[in-house]
Amino acid sequence: MSRNLIHNPILRGFHPDPSICRAGEDYYIATSTFEWFPGVRIHHSRDLVNWRPLTYALTRKSQLNMEGDPDSGGVWAPCLTYDAGLFYLIYTDVKSRQGAFKDTPNYLVTAENIEGPWSEPVYLNSSGFDPSLFHDGDGRKWLVNMLWDHRTGNNSFAGIVLQEYSAEEQRLTGPVIPIYKGTELKLTEGPHLYRKDGWYYLITAEGGTQYNHAVTVARSRQIEGPYETAPNHPLLTSAGNRELELQKAGHASLVYTHTDEWYMVHLCGRPVKDNYCNLGRETAIQRCIFTDDGWLALASGGNSPALAVEGPDIPEHPFPAPAPRDEFDAPQLDVRWSTLRVPAEESWLSLQERPGYLRLRGRESMSSMHRQSLVALRQQAFRCSAETAMEFEPEHFQQMAGLIVYYDTKDYLYLRITHHEVLGKTVGIIRSRDGIFEDTLSAEIPLPPGTSVALKVIIDRELAEFYYRAGESAWEKIGGAMEIYHLSDDFPAYIRFTGTFIGMCVQDLSGAMKPADFDYFEYREFEIQA
């Protein structure tokens, strides 16, 4: 049979730190979700070519309480594995990340079915992030994670450590063993262990999760080490090759297919302008081989990420394309939607109070790291549009609702309806750019009371244009073309890790929880170009 081609990235938009596993003939990828809830998005494939968002693992506040977590905190680098009929998921809930210290509690949940229910979490440790679980052939289980060293003058990324995990006692046991210091690329993180032909292979990310990112391979005959770095190091990187479409290549994990082939999923980014990756860090895949001397290598040769990859010897298995428009007719939110830090609870979000509408009650501001009423989906194409229609009758300037293009509490563009003391109900654009608030991007335009208002954004790479219409009137443009490259990991001086979301939100800074009713939300992608 002829093999299908895999076109990278396989998971477009904000899908970083991929961890892939196989259960029978099904393949799953878990990715980081940071401050977005539910935690740990899981995609499914039958052929490694076609992927669909299937579920989330962390759906309850008892599993993941992120109220107050910082921007780009929350869930970092999950590890999804499958052993003896049970799925294991390891994750970090980062509570602080700026400065010398990082608070990184690591947890384990399990499930017999990938779609849940997932168990209550078992606390493991807090010594560093990027934890990963390895199931050895003798039945023993081992946790590896990077070690964080806060002391001035030391290497903060202090190497990879190993400790045994007792499934019976549900705790780590025995000594903590340093097994790998990393290479000259430094910033050694993202460890995963594998075993083949009597060797233990350690895959790590190095160079930092930006433009010097890389994948390093080391191996040892003993799980405790010592580990020898591969002679073809680094296995994968985009560093120094700015002409490549897939940049930031690193943070990888391996899967052995049911057709006896090896593939590696990895993080990547695609700039829209200069160094700015508005879509966030994405997931790509590469075909791998083992050389005659037992080292892992890219099947395509060299160490650069390929855009097109030969698929495995598996018949193609496509999935139906999701409908562009969500009419909010279902009893619960579709898998495409995420909320900020907290679950979608009836106290502030309802699909039942007014059937066919999503009702959001206004809560805290766009600056809040606690209780925002915001529902959004990932921007997954350079050129796209999003549209919604809403009924909202604000009574005070502290009440707002509308369509938001959001990166984090410091960076967003917001086409919102509010109340003006003289003009009454109005529509206008506000923006935060690296924490600097602007409310003069457009004039406040009066709207007729008691009328549904539709809002729309059209995004073309680093530019966004906004439109509105009241009732059945024609679309009217508001404001000019606005640069949105600041909605990216790469804009500020500090490092951050998510991507652009587009969605609906409501604020009521008075505390009265004024609701807005959204009739539908439509997201469409145009022709995808580099």
Protein backbone atom coordinates (compact mmCIF):
# COMPACT_ATOMS: atom_id res chain seq x y z
CA MET A 1 0.00 0.00 0.00
CA SER A 2 1.10 3.59 -0.58
CA ARG A 3 1.79 5.52 2.57
CA ASN A 4 -0.06 8.69 3.47
CA LEU A 5 1.83 11.91 4.03
CA ILE A 6 1.61 13.66 7.38
CA HIS A 7 1.54 17.45 7.08
CA ASN A 8 3.02 19.41 9.98
CA PRO A 9 2.04 20.74 12.37
CA ILE A 10 -0.45 18.00 13.22
CA LEU A 11 -1.95 19.99 16.11
CA ARG A 12 -2.15 23.63 15.03
CA GLY A 13 -2.42 26.50 17.47
CA PHE A 14 -1.70 26.33 21.19
CA HIS A 15 -0.74 22.66 21.72
CA PRO A 16 2.72 22.61 23.35
CA ASP A 17 4.80 19.95 25.11
CA PRO A 18 3.25 16.89 23.42
CA SER A 19 3.29 13.50 25.12
CA ILE A 20 2.20 10.63 22.88
CA CYS A 21 1.14 7.12 23.84
CA ARG A 22 -0.44 4.09 22.18
CA ALA A 23 -3.17 1.80 23.52
CA GLY A 24 -3.67 -1.05 21.07
CA GLU A 25 -4.21 0.60 17.69
CA ASP A 26 -5.27 3.97 19.11
CA TYR A 27 -2.89 6.89 19.55
CA TYR A 28 -3.26 9.78 21.99
CA ILE A 29 -1.39 13.05 22.47
CA ALA A 30 -1.62 15.05 25.70
CA THR A 31 -0.57 18.70 25.63
CA SER A 32 -0.02 21.47 28.17
CA THR A 33 -2.96 23.75 28.92
CA PHE A 34 -1.34 26.16 31.42
CA GLU A 35 -4.00 28.43 33.01
CA TRP A 36 -6.81 27.22 30.73
CA PHE A 37 -9.48 24.87 32.10
CA PRO A 38 -10.14 21.93 31.72
CA GLY A 39 -6.57 20.77 32.13
CA VAL A 40 -4.54 18.60 29.71
CA ARG A 41 -6.12 18.42 26.27
CA ILE A 42 -6.03 14.95 24.69
CA HIS A 43 -6.15 14.31 20.93
CA HIS A 44 -6.87 10.94 19.31
CA SER A 45 -5.72 9.32 16.06
CA ARG A 46 -5.90 5.93 14.39
CA ASP A 47 -3.25 6.64 11.73
CA LEU A 48 -0.94 9.43 13.05
CA VAL A 49 -2.15 11.52 10.08
CA ASN A 50 -5.61 12.63 11.18
CA TRP A 51 -6.19 13.91 14.71
CA ARG A 52 -9.26 15.04 16.62
CA PRO A 53 -9.61 16.75 20.01
CA LEU A 54 -11.20 14.03 22.12
CA THR A 55 -11.31 14.97 25.78
CA TYR A 56 -9.63 16.59 28.78
CA ALA A 57 -8.21 14.70 31.74
CA LEU A 58 -8.56 17.30 34.50
CA THR A 59 -12.19 18.36 34.62
CA ARG A 60 -12.77 18.90 38.34
CA LYS A 61 -11.50 21.54 40.72
CA SER A 62 -10.42 18.75 43.07
CA GLN A 63 -7.96 17.65 40.37
CA LEU A 64 -6.82 21.13 39.36
CA ASN A 65 -7.43 24.29 41.38
CA MET A 66 -5.86 27.14 39.42
CA GLU A 67 -7.52 30.16 41.05
CA GLY A 68 -4.71 32.67 41.44
CA ASP A 69 -2.26 30.79 39.23
CA PRO A 70 -0.09 33.27 37.28
CA ASP A 71 -0.22 33.80 33.54
CA SER A 72 1.56 30.86 31.90
CA GLY A 73 1.38 28.99 35.19
CA GLY A 74 -0.97 26.07 35.76
CA VAL A 75 -0.49 22.83 33.83
CA TRP A 76 3.00 22.35 32.39
CA ALA A 77 4.24 19.43 30.30
CA PRO A 78 1.96 16.46 31.03
CA CYS A 79 3.12 12.89 30.46
CA LEU A 80 0.53 10.38 29.22
CA THR A 81 1.37 6.64 29.36
CA TYR A 82 -0.53 3.35 29.16
CA ASP A 83 0.34 0.16 30.99
CA ALA A 84 -1.61 -3.05 31.70
CA GLY A 85 -5.00 -1.60 30.87
CA LEU A 86 -4.56 1.68 32.75
CA PHE A 87 -3.80 5.20 31.54
CA TYR A 88 -1.44 7.26 33.69
CA LEU A 89 -1.18 11.04 33.48
CA ILE A 90 1.52 13.04 35.26
CA TYR A 91 1.28 16.84 35.37
CA THR A 92 2.59 19.94 37.12
CA ASP A 93 0.39 22.76 38.45
CA VAL A 94 2.82 25.70 38.52
CA LYS A 95 1.92 28.13 41.30
CA SER A 96 4.75 30.64 40.80
CA ARG A 97 7.23 31.04 37.94
CA GLN A 98 8.91 34.46 38.03
CA GLY A 99 12.23 35.10 39.71
CA ALA A 100 14.52 32.63 41.44
CA PHE A 101 11.83 30.33 42.81
CA LYS A 102 9.32 28.08 41.09
CA ASP A 103 6.59 26.28 43.01
CA THR A 104 5.89 23.13 41.00
CA PRO A 105 3.73 20.48 42.69
CA ASN A 106 3.55 17.32 40.56
CA TYR A 107 0.57 14.96 40.51
CA LEU A 108 -0.60 11.64 39.06
CA VAL A 109 -4.11 10.66 37.92
CA THR A 110 -5.23 7.39 36.31
CA ALA A 111 -8.17 6.12 34.24
CA GLU A 112 -9.24 2.85 32.68
CA ASN A 113 -10.82 4.76 29.79
CA ILE A 114 -9.05 7.67 28.08
CA GLU A 115 -12.30 9.66 28.24
CA GLY A 116 -12.48 9.16 31.99
CA PRO A 117 -13.45 9.32 34.66
CA TRP A 118 -9.96 10.20 35.81
CA SER A 119 -9.05 9.60 39.44
CA GLU A 120 -8.40 12.10 42.17
CA PRO A 121 -4.75 13.23 42.07
CA VAL A 122 -1.88 11.61 43.94
CA TYR A 123 0.73 14.15 45.01
CA LEU A 124 4.26 13.14 43.97
CA ASN A 125 6.85 15.86 44.58
CA SER A 126 7.67 19.52 43.94
CA SER A 127 11.39 19.37 43.17
CA GLY A 128 11.06 20.49 39.56
CA PHE A 129 8.74 20.44 36.58
CA ASP A 130 8.22 18.23 33.49
CA PRO A 131 7.64 14.95 35.40
CA SER A 132 7.37 11.73 33.40
CA LEU A 133 6.48 8.15 34.34
CA PHE A 134 8.31 5.14 32.89
CA HIS A 135 6.93 1.58 33.14
CA ASP A 136 9.82 -0.89 33.09
CA GLY A 137 9.53 -4.44 31.81
CA ASP A 138 9.95 -5.88 35.31
CA GLY A 139 6.83 -4.11 36.56
CA ARG A 140 8.65 -1.31 38.38
CA LYS A 141 7.70 2.31 37.69
CA TRP A 142 10.00 5.28 37.73
CA LEU A 143 9.47 9.03 37.84
CA VAL A 144 11.91 11.39 36.14
CA ASN A 145 11.79 15.18 36.33
CA MET A 146 14.12 18.11 35.96
CA LEU A 147 15.55 19.49 39.22
CA TRP A 148 15.15 23.23 39.89
CA ASP A 149 17.99 24.98 41.73
CA HIS A 150 17.13 28.49 42.92
CA ARG A 151 20.60 29.35 44.26
CA THR A 152 22.43 32.27 42.71
CA GLY A 153 25.40 31.23 40.56
CA ASN A 154 24.17 27.67 40.03
CA ASN A 155 22.59 26.11 36.97
CA SER A 156 18.87 26.51 37.69
CA PHE A 157 18.16 23.54 35.42
CA ALA A 158 20.17 21.24 37.66
CA GLY A 159 19.77 18.04 35.66
CA ILE A 160 17.37 15.10 35.49
CA VAL A 161 16.56 13.04 38.59
CA LEU A 162 15.02 9.58 38.96
CA GLN A 163 12.94 8.04 41.76
CA GLU A 164 10.89 4.86 41.97
CA TYR A 165 7.09 5.08 42.21
CA SER A 166 5.13 2.49 44.18
CA ALA A 167 1.71 1.98 42.57
CA GLU A 168 0.58 -0.05 45.60
CA GLU A 169 1.48 2.68 48.09
CA GLN A 170 0.71 5.53 45.66
CA ARG A 171 3.88 7.40 46.53
CA LEU A 172 7.47 7.85 45.53
CA THR A 173 9.89 5.59 47.34
CA GLY A 174 13.63 5.09 47.62
CA PRO A 175 16.44 7.54 46.89
CA VAL A 176 16.36 10.44 44.45
CA ILE A 177 19.07 9.66 41.89
CA PRO A 178 20.61 12.30 39.58
CA ILE A 179 21.02 10.60 36.19
CA TYR A 180 21.83 13.29 33.60
CA LYS A 181 23.33 16.78 33.73
CA GLY A 182 22.60 17.64 30.10
CA THR A 183 24.85 19.08 27.40
CA GLU A 184 26.38 22.41 26.48
CA LEU A 185 22.93 23.50 25.22
CA LYS A 186 21.83 23.71 28.89
CA LEU A 187 18.24 24.27 30.13
CA THR A 188 17.80 20.50 30.31
CA GLU A 189 14.13 19.59 30.86
CA GLY A 190 11.24 17.53 29.43
CA PRO A 191 12.65 14.05 30.23
CA HIS A 192 11.10 10.82 28.93
CA LEU A 193 12.53 7.30 29.37
CA TYR A 194 12.20 4.38 26.90
CA ARG A 195 13.73 0.92 26.70
CA LYS A 196 14.87 -0.95 23.57
CA ASP A 197 17.30 -3.80 23.00
CA GLY A 198 18.73 -3.63 26.51
CA TRP A 199 19.28 0.14 26.43
CA TYR A 200 17.48 2.82 28.43
CA TYR A 201 17.02 5.88 26.23
CA LEU A 202 16.53 9.29 27.84
CA ILE A 203 14.94 11.97 25.66
CA THR A 204 15.25 15.55 26.93
CA ALA A 205 14.50 19.08 25.74
CA GLU A 206 17.36 21.56 25.85
CA GLY A 207 18.22 25.09 24.82
CA GLY A 208 15.03 26.69 26.16
CA THR A 209 11.60 26.59 24.58
CA GLN A 210 12.30 29.37 22.08
CA TYR A 211 14.51 29.62 19.01
CA ASN A 212 17.42 27.54 20.40
CA HIS A 213 15.16 24.65 21.41
CA ALA A 214 16.42 21.12 20.73
CA VAL A 215 15.89 17.42 21.42
CA THR A 216 18.75 15.51 23.07
CA VAL A 217 19.10 11.72 23.32
CA ALA A 218 21.26 9.85 25.83
CA ARG A 219 21.38 6.14 26.74
CA SER A 220 22.54 3.75 29.44
CA ARG A 221 22.53 0.00 30.12
CA GLN A 222 21.28 0.76 33.67
CA ILE A 223 18.29 2.92 34.45
CA GLU A 224 20.29 4.74 37.13
CA GLY A 225 22.97 5.65 34.55
CA PRO A 226 25.52 6.79 33.68
CA TYR A 227 23.92 8.12 30.47
CA GLU A 228 25.98 8.80 27.35
CA THR A 229 24.88 11.59 25.00
CA ALA A 230 24.27 10.53 21.39
CA PRO A 231 27.04 11.29 18.88
CA ASN A 232 24.47 12.84 16.50
CA HIS A 233 23.41 15.37 19.16
CA PRO A 234 21.11 17.22 18.89
CA LEU A 235 18.62 14.82 17.39
CA LEU A 236 16.28 17.66 16.37
CA THR A 237 16.54 21.45 16.31
CA SER A 238 15.64 24.51 14.23
CA ALA A 239 18.36 26.66 15.81
CA GLY A 240 20.35 28.64 13.26
CA ASN A 241 17.94 27.79 10.40
CA ARG A 242 15.51 30.72 10.30
CA GLU A 243 14.40 29.75 6.79
CA LEU A 244 12.64 26.68 8.21
CA GLU A 245 8.88 27.03 8.56
CA LEU A 246 8.91 24.99 11.78
CA GLN A 247 10.88 26.90 14.39
CA LYS A 248 11.46 26.20 18.12
CA ALA A 249 11.65 22.42 17.46
CA GLY A 250 12.12 20.54 20.74
CA HIS A 251 10.39 18.91 23.72
CA ALA A 252 9.70 15.51 22.17
CA SER A 253 8.27 12.12 23.03
CA LEU A 254 8.34 8.78 21.18
CA VAL A 255 5.78 6.18 20.18
CA TYR A 256 6.29 2.66 18.83
CA THR A 257 3.45 1.87 16.45
CA HIS A 258 1.52 -1.39 16.16
CA THR A 259 3.19 -1.66 12.73
CA ASP A 260 6.68 -1.73 14.33
CA GLU A 261 7.67 1.82 13.41
CA TRP A 262 8.95 4.75 15.48
CA TYR A 263 7.59 8.29 15.47
CA MET A 264 8.42 11.35 17.54
CA VAL A 265 6.07 14.21 18.34
CA HIS A 266 7.62 17.52 19.25
CA LEU A 267 6.92 21.16 19.95
CA CYS A 268 7.33 23.79 17.24
CA GLY A 269 6.33 27.38 16.42
CA ARG A 270 5.57 29.29 13.22
CA PRO A 271 6.23 33.05 13.25
CA VAL A 272 3.72 35.39 11.64
CA LYS A 273 6.07 38.37 11.73
CA ASP A 274 9.71 38.56 12.77
CA ASN A 275 9.93 36.33 15.89
CA TYR A 276 6.25 36.48 16.85
CA CYS A 277 4.26 33.24 16.97
CA ASN A 278 0.62 34.29 17.50
CA LEU A 279 -0.65 30.72 17.28
CA GLY A 280 1.56 29.71 20.20
CA ARG A 281 3.67 26.58 20.32
CA GLU A 282 2.25 23.75 18.21
CA THR A 283 2.78 19.99 17.82
CA ALA A 284 4.55 18.35 14.88
CA ILE A 285 5.65 14.77 14.20
CA GLN A 286 8.76 13.15 12.67
CA ARG A 287 9.45 9.61 11.50
CA CYS A 288 12.44 8.04 13.28
CA ILE A 289 14.74 5.06 12.86
CA PHE A 290 17.39 3.39 15.00
CA THR A 291 20.82 3.23 13.40
CA ASP A 292 22.96 0.09 13.26
CA ASP A 293 24.84 1.22 16.36
CA GLY A 294 21.59 1.71 18.27
CA TRP A 295 21.10 5.48 18.20
CA LEU A 296 17.85 7.25 17.37
CA ALA A 297 17.86 9.32 14.15
CA LEU A 298 15.39 11.17 11.94
CA ALA A 299 14.32 9.04 8.98
CA SER A 300 14.56 12.17 6.81
CA GLY A 301 18.25 12.60 7.69
CA GLY A 302 19.93 15.54 9.41
CA ASN A 303 18.35 17.17 12.45
CA SER A 304 15.87 19.67 10.96
CA PRO A 305 12.08 19.25 11.34
CA ALA A 306 10.34 18.25 8.12
CA LEU A 307 7.03 19.77 6.99
CA ALA A 308 5.89 16.60 5.21
CA VAL A 309 6.55 13.22 6.81
CA GLU A 310 5.91 9.71 5.54
CA GLY A 311 3.08 8.20 7.57
CA PRO A 312 3.06 4.70 9.08
CA ASP A 313 1.90 1.57 7.28
CA ILE A 314 -1.67 2.10 8.51
CA PRO A 315 -4.82 2.76 6.44
CA GLU A 316 -5.97 6.37 6.59
CA HIS A 317 -8.63 7.08 9.21
CA PRO A 318 -10.08 10.59 8.84
CA PHE A 319 -12.55 12.16 11.27
CA PRO A 320 -15.54 14.39 10.45
CA ALA A 321 -14.68 18.08 10.41
CA PRO A 322 -16.21 20.03 13.30
CA ALA A 323 -19.02 22.44 12.42
CA PRO A 324 -17.74 26.04 12.19
CA ARG A 325 -20.74 27.31 14.16
CA ASP A 326 -21.70 26.34 17.70
CA GLU A 327 -25.39 27.08 18.23
CA PHE A 328 -25.13 26.31 21.97
CA ASP A 329 -27.86 23.67 21.72
CA ALA A 330 -25.96 21.00 23.67
CA PRO A 331 -26.35 20.55 27.45
CA GLN A 332 -22.64 21.19 28.01
CA LEU A 333 -19.78 22.99 26.31
CA ASP A 334 -18.19 21.37 23.27
CA VAL A 335 -14.62 20.07 23.58
CA ARG A 336 -13.34 23.05 21.59
CA TRP A 337 -14.05 25.47 24.46
CA SER A 338 -11.87 26.44 27.41
CA THR A 339 -12.35 28.72 30.41
CA LEU A 340 -9.75 30.61 32.41
CA ARG A 341 -8.46 28.93 35.58
CA VAL A 342 -11.86 27.74 36.83
CA PRO A 343 -14.48 25.20 35.68
CA ALA A 344 -17.60 26.15 33.75
CA GLU A 345 -20.07 26.17 36.65
CA GLU A 346 -23.77 27.10 36.70
CA SER A 347 -23.04 29.99 39.05
CA TRP A 348 -21.62 31.97 36.13
CA LEU A 349 -22.15 29.94 32.92
CA SER A 350 -25.35 28.27 31.78
CA LEU A 351 -26.62 26.50 28.67
CA GLN A 352 -29.87 25.64 30.44
CA GLU A 353 -31.33 28.93 31.71
CA ARG A 354 -32.10 30.08 28.17
CA PRO A 355 -31.99 27.08 25.80
CA GLY A 356 -30.10 27.76 22.59
CA TYR A 357 -28.00 30.48 24.22
CA LEU A 358 -24.82 30.60 26.25
CA ARG A 359 -25.48 32.79 29.26
CA LEU A 360 -22.43 34.28 30.95
CA ARG A 361 -22.71 36.27 34.15
CA GLY A 362 -20.25 39.12 34.54
CA ARG A 363 -17.55 38.70 37.12
CA GLU A 364 -13.99 40.00 37.43
CA SER A 365 -11.92 42.03 34.98
CA MET A 366 -9.58 40.87 32.22
CA SER A 367 -6.72 41.47 34.68
CA SER A 368 -8.02 38.91 37.17
CA MET A 369 -6.16 35.68 37.83
CA HIS A 370 -9.08 34.30 39.80
CA ARG A 371 -12.67 34.44 38.47
CA GLN A 372 -13.03 35.65 34.90
CA SER A 373 -16.22 34.85 32.94
CA LEU A 374 -14.47 34.03 29.69
CA VAL A 375 -15.08 31.16 27.24
CA ALA A 376 -12.71 30.86 24.29
CA LEU A 377 -11.21 28.56 21.67
CA ARG A 378 -7.76 28.38 20.15
CA GLN A 379 -6.82 30.38 17.07
CA GLN A 380 -5.44 27.63 14.82
CA ALA A 381 -4.87 29.37 11.48
CA PHE A 382 -2.99 32.49 10.42
CA ARG A 383 -6.08 33.70 8.55
CA CYS A 384 -9.42 33.22 10.24
CA SER A 385 -12.61 34.92 11.37
CA ALA A 386 -14.80 34.69 14.45
CA GLU A 387 -18.33 35.96 14.92
CA THR A 388 -20.94 35.98 17.66
CA ALA A 389 -24.29 37.62 18.37
CA MET A 390 -25.33 38.66 21.85
CA GLU A 391 -28.10 40.25 23.86
CA PHE A 392 -26.79 42.50 26.62
CA GLU A 393 -28.26 45.59 28.26
CA PRO A 394 -25.57 47.19 30.45
CA GLU A 395 -26.66 49.77 33.00
CA HIS A 396 -23.25 51.05 34.08
CA PHE A 397 -19.77 51.58 32.59
CA GLN A 398 -18.45 48.79 34.83
CA GLN A 399 -20.56 46.26 32.90
CA MET A 400 -19.04 44.98 29.64
CA ALA A 401 -19.48 42.01 27.30
CA GLY A 402 -18.31 41.04 23.84
CA LEU A 403 -15.79 39.35 21.58
CA ILE A 404 -12.20 39.09 22.82
CA VAL A 405 -8.92 38.11 21.16
CA TYR A 406 -6.91 37.10 24.20
CA TYR A 407 -3.39 36.02 25.07
CA ASP A 408 -3.23 36.67 28.81
CA THR A 409 -4.09 39.30 31.42
CA LYS A 410 -1.50 41.66 29.94
CA ASP A 411 -2.31 41.29 26.23
CA TYR A 412 -5.69 41.26 24.52
CA LEU A 413 -7.98 43.11 22.09
CA TYR A 414 -11.64 43.39 23.07
CA LEU A 415 -14.64 44.48 20.99
CA ARG A 416 -17.07 45.12 23.81
CA ILE A 417 -20.49 46.56 24.53
CA THR A 418 -20.84 48.78 27.59
CA HIS A 419 -22.87 51.70 28.97
CA HIS A 420 -21.93 55.36 28.55
CA GLU A 421 -23.48 58.01 30.80
CA VAL A 422 -24.41 60.22 27.81
CA LEU A 423 -24.61 57.85 24.84
CA GLY A 424 -26.26 54.92 26.60
CA LYS A 425 -25.49 51.44 25.21
CA THR A 426 -22.31 51.61 23.09
CA VAL A 427 -19.77 49.47 21.29
CA GLY A 428 -16.03 50.13 21.15
CA ILE A 429 -12.58 48.53 21.20
CA ILE A 430 -10.24 48.36 24.16
CA ARG A 431 -6.77 46.84 24.30
CA SER A 432 -4.08 45.87 26.73
CA ARG A 433 -0.55 45.73 25.33
CA ASP A 434 2.07 44.39 27.75
CA GLY A 435 -0.17 45.50 30.59
CA ILE A 436 -0.76 49.05 29.26
CA PHE A 437 -4.51 49.66 28.98
CA GLU A 438 -5.97 51.62 26.04
CA ASP A 439 -9.63 52.60 25.58
CA THR A 440 -9.28 55.18 22.78
CA LEU A 441 -8.73 52.80 19.84
CA SER A 442 -12.19 53.63 18.47
CA ALA A 443 -14.99 56.03 19.21
CA GLU A 444 -17.83 54.77 21.40
CA ILE A 445 -20.68 54.10 18.95
CA PRO A 446 -24.27 54.26 20.26
CA LEU A 447 -26.41 51.14 19.86
CA PRO A 448 -30.20 50.79 19.99
CA PRO A 449 -31.38 49.31 23.30
CA GLY A 450 -33.18 45.99 23.31
CA THR A 451 -31.46 44.82 20.12
CA SER A 452 -29.20 41.86 19.51
CA VAL A 453 -25.73 42.92 18.37
CA ALA A 454 -23.37 40.79 16.26
CA LEU A 455 -19.62 41.17 16.62
CA LYS A 456 -16.89 39.89 14.29
CA VAL A 457 -13.11 39.83 13.96
CA ILE A 458 -11.11 38.97 10.84
CA ILE A 459 -7.47 38.04 11.46
CA ASP A 460 -4.80 38.12 8.74
CA ARG A 461 -1.51 37.03 10.28
CA GLU A 462 -0.45 39.92 12.56
CA LEU A 463 -3.45 42.16 11.76
CA ALA A 464 -7.03 42.13 13.07
CA GLU A 465 -10.09 44.06 11.89
CA PHE A 466 -13.33 44.35 13.88
CA TYR A 467 -16.95 44.69 12.76
CA TYR A 468 -20.37 45.02 14.38
CA ARG A 469 -24.02 45.14 13.36
CA ALA A 470 -27.18 45.86 15.30
CA GLY A 471 -30.17 43.66 14.53
CA GLU A 472 -30.41 42.91 10.79
CA SER A 473 -28.39 45.92 9.64
CA ALA A 474 -25.28 45.62 7.47
CA TRP A 475 -21.86 44.95 8.98
CA GLU A 476 -19.97 48.11 9.88
CA LYS A 477 -16.25 48.30 10.43
CA ILE A 478 -15.04 49.75 13.70
CA GLY A 479 -11.50 51.04 14.13
CA GLY A 480 -8.68 50.30 11.71
CA ALA A 481 -6.46 47.28 11.09
CA MET A 482 -4.74 46.61 14.40
CA GLU A 483 -1.47 44.80 14.99
CA ILE A 484 -1.83 41.73 17.18
CA TYR A 485 1.68 40.32 17.10
CA HIS A 486 1.87 41.26 20.78
CA LEU A 487 -0.50 38.32 21.36
CA SER A 488 2.40 35.88 21.28
CA ASP A 489 4.92 34.08 23.47
CA ASP A 490 7.66 36.25 22.05
CA PHE A 491 6.42 39.82 22.55
CA PRO A 492 7.51 40.88 26.09
CA ALA A 493 10.92 40.73 27.68
CA TYR A 494 9.84 37.85 29.94
CA ILE A 495 9.05 34.34 28.72
CA ARG A 496 5.48 33.05 28.47
CA PHE A 497 3.99 29.94 26.99
CA THR A 498 0.41 29.93 25.69
CA GLY A 499 -1.14 31.25 22.47
CA THR A 500 -3.99 33.34 21.09
CA PHE A 501 -7.58 32.46 22.01
CA ILE A 502 -10.75 33.99 20.57
CA GLY A 503 -13.94 33.96 22.56
CA MET A 504 -16.73 35.58 24.55
CA CYS A 505 -16.53 37.25 27.93
CA VAL A 506 -18.56 39.33 30.36
CA GLN A 507 -17.40 41.61 33.17
CA ASP A 508 -19.40 43.24 35.94
CA LEU A 509 -16.99 45.16 38.10
CA SER A 510 -19.83 46.30 40.35
CA GLY A 511 -20.34 42.74 41.58
CA ALA A 512 -23.97 42.51 40.38
CA MET A 513 -23.12 39.69 37.89
CA LYS A 514 -25.09 41.20 35.00
CA PRO A 515 -25.59 38.44 32.36
CA ALA A 516 -25.10 38.45 28.59
CA ASP A 517 -26.72 35.87 26.29
CA PHE A 518 -24.69 34.63 23.29
CA ASP A 519 -26.79 33.12 20.47
CA TYR A 520 -23.94 31.38 18.60
CA PHE A 521 -20.22 31.48 17.96
CA GLU A 522 -18.72 30.86 14.52
CA TYR A 523 -15.01 30.29 13.86
CA ARG A 524 -13.81 29.85 10.26
CA GLU A 525 -10.35 29.33 8.83
CA PHE A 526 -9.26 30.64 5.46
CA GLU A 527 -6.58 29.20 3.19
CA ILE A 528 -3.61 28.35 5.39
CA GLN A 529 -0.33 29.77 4.14
CA ALA A 530 3.07 30.08 5.72
